[in-house]
Amino acid sequence: DNTVRIWDINSGRLLRILWEDEGSVTSVAVSPDGRYIVSGSEDNTVRIWNTNSGRLLRILRGHKN
């Protein structure tokens, strides 16, 4: 559904939904310090998000599988 969902694993509560504009999400990684989420999608982009604010920080285009 073109989203990345962040959940609180202790309560099971949905904390935030990050929206991909153009393609289905195919991969997700979290930085070791938990501050950033990186998502790859079918539209050959990689998006970098701030975990706490949910703000999209950067889109990297031209990513290849």
PDB file of N, CA and C in Angstrom:
ATOM      1  N   ASP A   1       0.818  -1.203   0.000  1.00  0.00           N
ATOM      2  CA  ASP A   1       0.000   0.000   0.000  1.00  0.00           C
ATOM      3  C   ASP A   1       0.855   1.257   0.000  1.00  0.00           C
ATOM      4  N   ASN A   2       2.105   1.141  -0.391  1.00  0.00           N
ATOM      5  CA  ASN A   2       3.026   2.285  -0.517  1.00  0.00           C
ATOM      6  C   ASN A   2       3.319   2.962   0.818  1.00  0.00           C
ATOM      7  N   THR A   3       3.337   2.217   1.903  1.00  0.00           N
ATOM      8  CA  THR A   3       3.623   2.805   3.211  1.00  0.00           C
ATOM      9  C   THR A   3       4.690   2.021   3.950  1.00  0.00           C
ATOM     10  N   VAL A   4       5.331   2.725   4.877  1.00  0.00           N
ATOM     11  CA  VAL A   4       6.179   2.116   5.907  1.00  0.00           C
ATOM     12  C   VAL A   4       5.490   2.441   7.219  1.00  0.00           C
ATOM     13  N   ARG A   5       5.242   1.438   8.039  1.00  0.00           N
ATOM     14  CA  ARG A   5       4.546   1.651   9.312  1.00  0.00           C
ATOM     15  C   ARG A   5       5.501   1.401  10.472  1.00  0.00           C
ATOM     16  N   ILE A   6       5.468   2.313  11.428  1.00  0.00           N
ATOM     17  CA  ILE A   6       6.321   2.212  12.609  1.00  0.00           C
ATOM     18  C   ILE A   6       5.426   1.845  13.790  1.00  0.00           C
ATOM     19  N   TRP A   7       5.790   0.756  14.466  1.00  0.00           N
ATOM     20  CA  TRP A   7       4.996   0.221  15.566  1.00  0.00           C
ATOM     21  C   TRP A   7       5.791   0.251  16.861  1.00  0.00           C
ATOM     22  N   ASP A   8       5.109   0.449  17.976  1.00  0.00           N
ATOM     23  CA  ASP A   8       5.700   0.266  19.294  1.00  0.00           C
ATOM     24  C   ASP A   8       5.610  -1.218  19.606  1.00  0.00           C
ATOM     25  N   ILE A   9       6.743  -1.882  19.709  1.00  0.00           N
ATOM     26  CA  ILE A   9       6.716  -3.339  19.878  1.00  0.00           C
ATOM     27  C   ILE A   9       6.212  -3.761  21.247  1.00  0.00           C
ATOM     28  N   ASN A  10       6.291  -2.891  22.236  1.00  0.00           N
ATOM     29  CA  ASN A  10       5.809  -3.245  23.571  1.00  0.00           C
ATOM     30  C   ASN A  10       4.286  -3.184  23.672  1.00  0.00           C
ATOM     31  N   SER A  11       3.688  -2.149  23.098  1.00  0.00           N
ATOM     32  CA  SER A  11       2.238  -1.976  23.213  1.00  0.00           C
ATOM     33  C   SER A  11       1.480  -2.478  21.984  1.00  0.00           C
ATOM     34  N   GLY A  12       2.178  -2.632  20.846  1.00  0.00           N
ATOM     35  CA  GLY A  12       1.518  -3.008  19.608  1.00  0.00           C
ATOM     36  C   GLY A  12       0.807  -1.845  18.943  1.00  0.00           C
ATOM     37  N   ARG A  13       1.039  -0.647  19.441  1.00  0.00           N
ATOM     38  CA  ARG A  13       0.383   0.556  18.918  1.00  0.00           C
ATOM     39  C   ARG A  13       1.119   1.082  17.686  1.00  0.00           C
ATOM     40  N   LEU A  14       0.335   1.472  16.668  1.00  0.00           N
ATOM     41  CA  LEU A  14       0.894   2.093  15.474  1.00  0.00           C
ATOM     42  C   LEU A  14       1.307   3.522  15.814  1.00  0.00           C
ATOM     43  N   LEU A  15       2.577   3.850  15.580  1.00  0.00           N
ATOM     44  CA  LEU A  15       3.101   5.167  15.927  1.00  0.00           C
ATOM     45  C   LEU A  15       3.060   6.149  14.766  1.00  0.00           C
ATOM     46  N   ARG A  16       3.353   5.656  13.572  1.00  0.00           N
ATOM     47  CA  ARG A  16       3.494   6.574  12.440  1.00  0.00           C
ATOM     48  C   ARG A  16       3.399   5.788  11.143  1.00  0.00           C
ATOM     49  N   ILE A  17       2.878   6.452  10.112  1.00  0.00           N
ATOM     50  CA  ILE A  17       2.854   5.888   8.768  1.00  0.00           C
ATOM     51  C   ILE A  17       3.638   6.828   7.859  1.00  0.00           C
ATOM     52  N   LEU A  18       4.594   6.278   7.148  1.00  0.00           N
ATOM     53  CA  LEU A  18       5.393   7.038   6.185  1.00  0.00           C
ATOM     54  C   LEU A  18       4.905   6.669   4.794  1.00  0.00           C
ATOM     55  N   TRP A  19       4.557   7.663   3.998  1.00  0.00           N
ATOM     56  CA  TRP A  19       3.955   7.433   2.683  1.00  0.00           C
ATOM     57  C   TRP A  19       4.981   7.524   1.569  1.00  0.00           C
ATOM     58  N   GLU A  20       5.038   6.474   0.762  1.00  0.00           N
ATOM     59  CA  GLU A  20       5.804   6.499  -0.485  1.00  0.00           C
ATOM     60  C   GLU A  20       4.870   7.036  -1.558  1.00  0.00           C
ATOM     61  N   ASP A  21       5.335   7.935  -2.386  1.00  0.00           N
ATOM     62  CA  ASP A  21       4.469   8.558  -3.377  1.00  0.00           C
ATOM     63  C   ASP A  21       4.199   7.688  -4.596  1.00  0.00           C
ATOM     64  N   GLU A  22       5.213   6.980  -5.055  1.00  0.00           N
ATOM     65  CA  GLU A  22       5.112   6.429  -6.401  1.00  0.00           C
ATOM     66  C   GLU A  22       5.169   4.915  -6.512  1.00  0.00           C
ATOM     67  N   GLY A  23       5.798   4.218  -5.586  1.00  0.00           N
ATOM     68  CA  GLY A  23       5.965   2.782  -5.774  1.00  0.00           C
ATOM     69  C   GLY A  23       5.827   2.010  -4.489  1.00  0.00           C
ATOM     70  N   SER A  24       5.519   0.742  -4.627  1.00  0.00           N
ATOM     71  CA  SER A  24       5.405  -0.122  -3.462  1.00  0.00           C
ATOM     72  C   SER A  24       6.750  -0.277  -2.775  1.00  0.00           C
ATOM     73  N   VAL A  25       6.735  -0.302  -1.478  1.00  0.00           N
ATOM     74  CA  VAL A  25       7.956  -0.464  -0.681  1.00  0.00           C
ATOM     75  C   VAL A  25       8.432  -1.907  -0.802  1.00  0.00           C
ATOM     76  N   THR A  26       9.717  -2.072  -1.113  1.00  0.00           N
ATOM     77  CA  THR A  26      10.284  -3.411  -1.265  1.00  0.00           C
ATOM     78  C   THR A  26      11.332  -3.735  -0.214  1.00  0.00           C
ATOM     79  N   SER A  27      11.849  -2.721   0.476  1.00  0.00           N
ATOM     80  CA  SER A  27      12.856  -2.971   1.510  1.00  0.00           C
ATOM     81  C   SER A  27      12.878  -1.820   2.505  1.00  0.00           C
ATOM     82  N   VAL A  28      13.271  -2.153   3.730  1.00  0.00           N
ATOM     83  CA  VAL A  28      13.349  -1.157   4.800  1.00  0.00           C
ATOM     84  C   VAL A  28      14.552  -1.487   5.673  1.00  0.00           C
ATOM     85  N   ALA A  29      15.252  -0.447   6.118  1.00  0.00           N
ATOM     86  CA  ALA A  29      16.356  -0.609   7.066  1.00  0.00           C
ATOM     87  C   ALA A  29      16.274   0.526   8.081  1.00  0.00           C
ATOM     88  N   VAL A  30      16.755   0.249   9.280  1.00  0.00           N
ATOM     89  CA  VAL A  30      16.789   1.239  10.357  1.00  0.00           C
ATOM     90  C   VAL A  30      18.241   1.474  10.734  1.00  0.00           C
ATOM     91  N   SER A  31      18.623   2.734  10.917  1.00  0.00           N
ATOM     92  CA  SER A  31      19.996   3.035  11.315  1.00  0.00           C
ATOM     93  C   SER A  31      20.268   2.431  12.694  1.00  0.00           C
ATOM     94  N   PRO A  32      21.521   2.108  12.990  1.00  0.00           N
ATOM     95  CA  PRO A  32      21.857   1.488  14.282  1.00  0.00           C
ATOM     96  C   PRO A  32      21.404   2.308  15.497  1.00  0.00           C
ATOM     97  N   ASP A  33      21.373   3.636  15.371  1.00  0.00           N
ATOM     98  CA  ASP A  33      20.944   4.466  16.498  1.00  0.00           C
ATOM     99  C   ASP A  33      19.431   4.692  16.521  1.00  0.00           C
ATOM    100  N   GLY A  34      18.709   4.158  15.510  1.00  0.00           N
ATOM    101  CA  GLY A  34      17.262   4.275  15.464  1.00  0.00           C
ATOM    102  C   GLY A  34      16.738   5.620  15.003  1.00  0.00           C
ATOM    103  N   ARG A  35      17.603   6.516  14.594  1.00  0.00           N
ATOM    104  CA  ARG A  35      17.178   7.871  14.216  1.00  0.00           C
ATOM    105  C   ARG A  35      16.630   7.961  12.799  1.00  0.00           C
ATOM    106  N   TYR A  36      17.014   7.010  11.932  1.00  0.00           N
ATOM    107  CA  TYR A  36      16.632   7.092  10.526  1.00  0.00           C
ATOM    108  C   TYR A  36      16.064   5.765  10.040  1.00  0.00           C
ATOM    109  N   ILE A  37      15.129   5.879   9.115  1.00  0.00           N
ATOM    110  CA  ILE A  37      14.600   4.732   8.395  1.00  0.00           C
ATOM    111  C   ILE A  37      14.888   4.977   6.926  1.00  0.00           C
ATOM    112  N   VAL A  38      15.353   3.944   6.240  1.00  0.00           N
ATOM    113  CA  VAL A  38      15.620   4.022   4.810  1.00  0.00           C
ATOM    114  C   VAL A  38      14.702   3.014   4.126  1.00  0.00           C
ATOM    115  N   SER A  39      13.968   3.480   3.114  1.00  0.00           N
ATOM    116  CA  SER A  39      13.077   2.576   2.396  1.00  0.00           C
ATOM    117  C   SER A  39      13.420   2.587   0.917  1.00  0.00           C
ATOM    118  N   GLY A  40      13.376   1.401   0.313  1.00  0.00           N
ATOM    119  CA  GLY A  40      13.546   1.260  -1.122  1.00  0.00           C
ATOM    120  C   GLY A  40      12.212   0.884  -1.725  1.00  0.00           C
ATOM    121  N   SER A  41      11.936   1.359  -2.934  1.00  0.00           N
ATOM    122  CA  SER A  41      10.642   1.057  -3.531  1.00  0.00           C
ATOM    123  C   SER A  41      10.775   0.682  -5.000  1.00  0.00           C
ATOM    124  N   GLU A  42       9.681   0.184  -5.555  1.00  0.00           N
ATOM    125  CA  GLU A  42       9.651  -0.268  -6.938  1.00  0.00           C
ATOM    126  C   GLU A  42       9.916   0.837  -7.953  1.00  0.00           C
ATOM    127  N   ASP A  43       9.787   2.083  -7.548  1.00  0.00           N
ATOM    128  CA  ASP A  43      10.035   3.184  -8.481  1.00  0.00           C
ATOM    129  C   ASP A  43      11.519   3.542  -8.573  1.00  0.00           C
ATOM    130  N   ASN A  44      12.380   2.652  -8.070  1.00  0.00           N
ATOM    131  CA  ASN A  44      13.839   2.818  -8.107  1.00  0.00           C
ATOM    132  C   ASN A  44      14.321   4.030  -7.329  1.00  0.00           C
ATOM    133  N   THR A  45      13.645   4.307  -6.210  1.00  0.00           N
ATOM    134  CA  THR A  45      14.094   5.361  -5.306  1.00  0.00           C
ATOM    135  C   THR A  45      14.407   4.773  -3.943  1.00  0.00           C
ATOM    136  N   VAL A  46      15.256   5.481  -3.238  1.00  0.00           N
ATOM    137  CA  VAL A  46      15.541   5.200  -1.834  1.00  0.00           C
ATOM    138  C   VAL A  46      15.171   6.463  -1.077  1.00  0.00           C
ATOM    139  N   ARG A  47      14.379   6.300  -0.013  1.00  0.00           N
ATOM    140  CA  ARG A  47      13.955   7.453   0.782  1.00  0.00           C
ATOM    141  C   ARG A  47      14.535   7.343   2.180  1.00  0.00           C
ATOM    142  N   ILE A  48      15.003   8.474   2.696  1.00  0.00           N
ATOM    143  CA  ILE A  48      15.558   8.528   4.050  1.00  0.00           C
ATOM    144  C   ILE A  48      14.620   9.374   4.894  1.00  0.00           C
ATOM    145  N   TRP A  49      14.164   8.802   6.017  1.00  0.00           N
ATOM    146  CA  TRP A  49      13.170   9.421   6.890  1.00  0.00           C
ATOM    147  C   TRP A  49      13.745   9.636   8.279  1.00  0.00           C
ATOM    148  N   ASN A  50      13.303  10.689   8.949  1.00  0.00           N
ATOM    149  CA  ASN A  50      13.589  10.879  10.363  1.00  0.00           C
ATOM    150  C   ASN A  50      12.570  10.050  11.142  1.00  0.00           C
ATOM    151  N   THR A  51      13.028   9.151  11.978  1.00  0.00           N
ATOM    152  CA  THR A  51      12.133   8.254  12.691  1.00  0.00           C
ATOM    153  C   THR A  51      11.194   8.996  13.636  1.00  0.00           C
ATOM    154  N   ASN A  52      11.711   9.963  14.380  1.00  0.00           N
ATOM    155  CA  ASN A  52      10.888  10.640  15.382  1.00  0.00           C
ATOM    156  C   ASN A  52       9.825  11.553  14.777  1.00  0.00           C
ATOM    157  N   SER A  53      10.191  12.317  13.765  1.00  0.00           N
ATOM    158  CA  SER A  53       9.246  13.284  13.195  1.00  0.00           C
ATOM    159  C   SER A  53       8.445  12.699  12.041  1.00  0.00           C
ATOM    160  N   GLY A  54       8.978  11.650  11.405  1.00  0.00           N
ATOM    161  CA  GLY A  54       8.348  11.108  10.211  1.00  0.00           C
ATOM    162  C   GLY A  54       8.625  11.928   8.970  1.00  0.00           C
ATOM    163  N   ARG A  55       9.480  12.920   9.102  1.00  0.00           N
ATOM    164  CA  ARG A  55       9.809  13.806   7.984  1.00  0.00           C
ATOM    165  C   ARG A  55      10.701  13.103   6.966  1.00  0.00           C
ATOM    166  N   LEU A  56      10.353  13.263   5.699  1.00  0.00           N
ATOM    167  CA  LEU A  56      11.181  12.761   4.612  1.00  0.00           C
ATOM    168  C   LEU A  56      12.381  13.691   4.456  1.00  0.00           C
ATOM    169  N   LEU A  57      13.580  13.152   4.590  1.00  0.00           N
ATOM    170  CA  LEU A  57      14.790  13.967   4.545  1.00  0.00           C
ATOM    171  C   LEU A  57      15.406  14.043   3.150  1.00  0.00           C
ATOM    172  N   ARG A  58      15.327  12.938   2.410  1.00  0.00           N
ATOM    173  CA  ARG A  58      15.982  12.911   1.102  1.00  0.00           C
ATOM    174  C   ARG A  58      15.414  11.773   0.273  1.00  0.00           C
ATOM    175  N   ILE A  59      15.369  11.997  -1.052  1.00  0.00           N
ATOM    176  CA  ILE A  59      15.028  10.949  -1.999  1.00  0.00           C
ATOM    177  C   ILE A  59      16.227  10.749  -2.911  1.00  0.00           C
ATOM    178  N   LEU A  60      16.684   9.526  -3.008  1.00  0.00           N
ATOM    179  CA  LEU A  60      17.786   9.165  -3.895  1.00  0.00           C
ATOM    180  C   LEU A  60      17.183   8.430  -5.082  1.00  0.00           C
ATOM    181  N   ARG A  61      17.390   8.942  -6.276  1.00  0.00           N
ATOM    182  CA  ARG A  61      16.781   8.379  -7.481  1.00  0.00           C
ATOM    183  C   ARG A  61      17.789   7.546  -8.269  1.00  0.00           C
ATOM    184  N   GLY A  62      17.269   6.595  -9.039  1.00  0.00           N
ATOM    185  CA  GLY A  62      18.122   5.781  -9.902  1.00  0.00           C
ATOM    186  C   GLY A  62      18.606   4.511  -9.254  1.00  0.00           C
ATOM    187  N   HIS A  63      18.067   4.186  -8.108  1.00  0.00           N
ATOM    188  CA  HIS A  63      18.444   2.949  -7.414  1.00  0.00           C
ATOM    189  C   HIS A  63      18.093   1.739  -8.283  1.00  0.00           C
ATOM    190  N   LYS A  64      18.962   0.783  -8.350  1.00  0.00           N
ATOM    191  CA  LYS A  64      18.729  -0.444  -9.110  1.00  0.00           C
ATOM    192  C   LYS A  64      18.645  -1.616  -8.139  1.00  0.00           C
ATOM    193  N   ASN A  65      17.766  -2.573  -8.453  1.00  0.00           N
ATOM    194  CA  ASN A  65      17.640  -3.777  -7.598  1.00  0.00           C
ATOM    195  C   ASN A  65      18.843  -4.651  -7.727  1.00  0.00           C
TER     196      ASN A  65
END
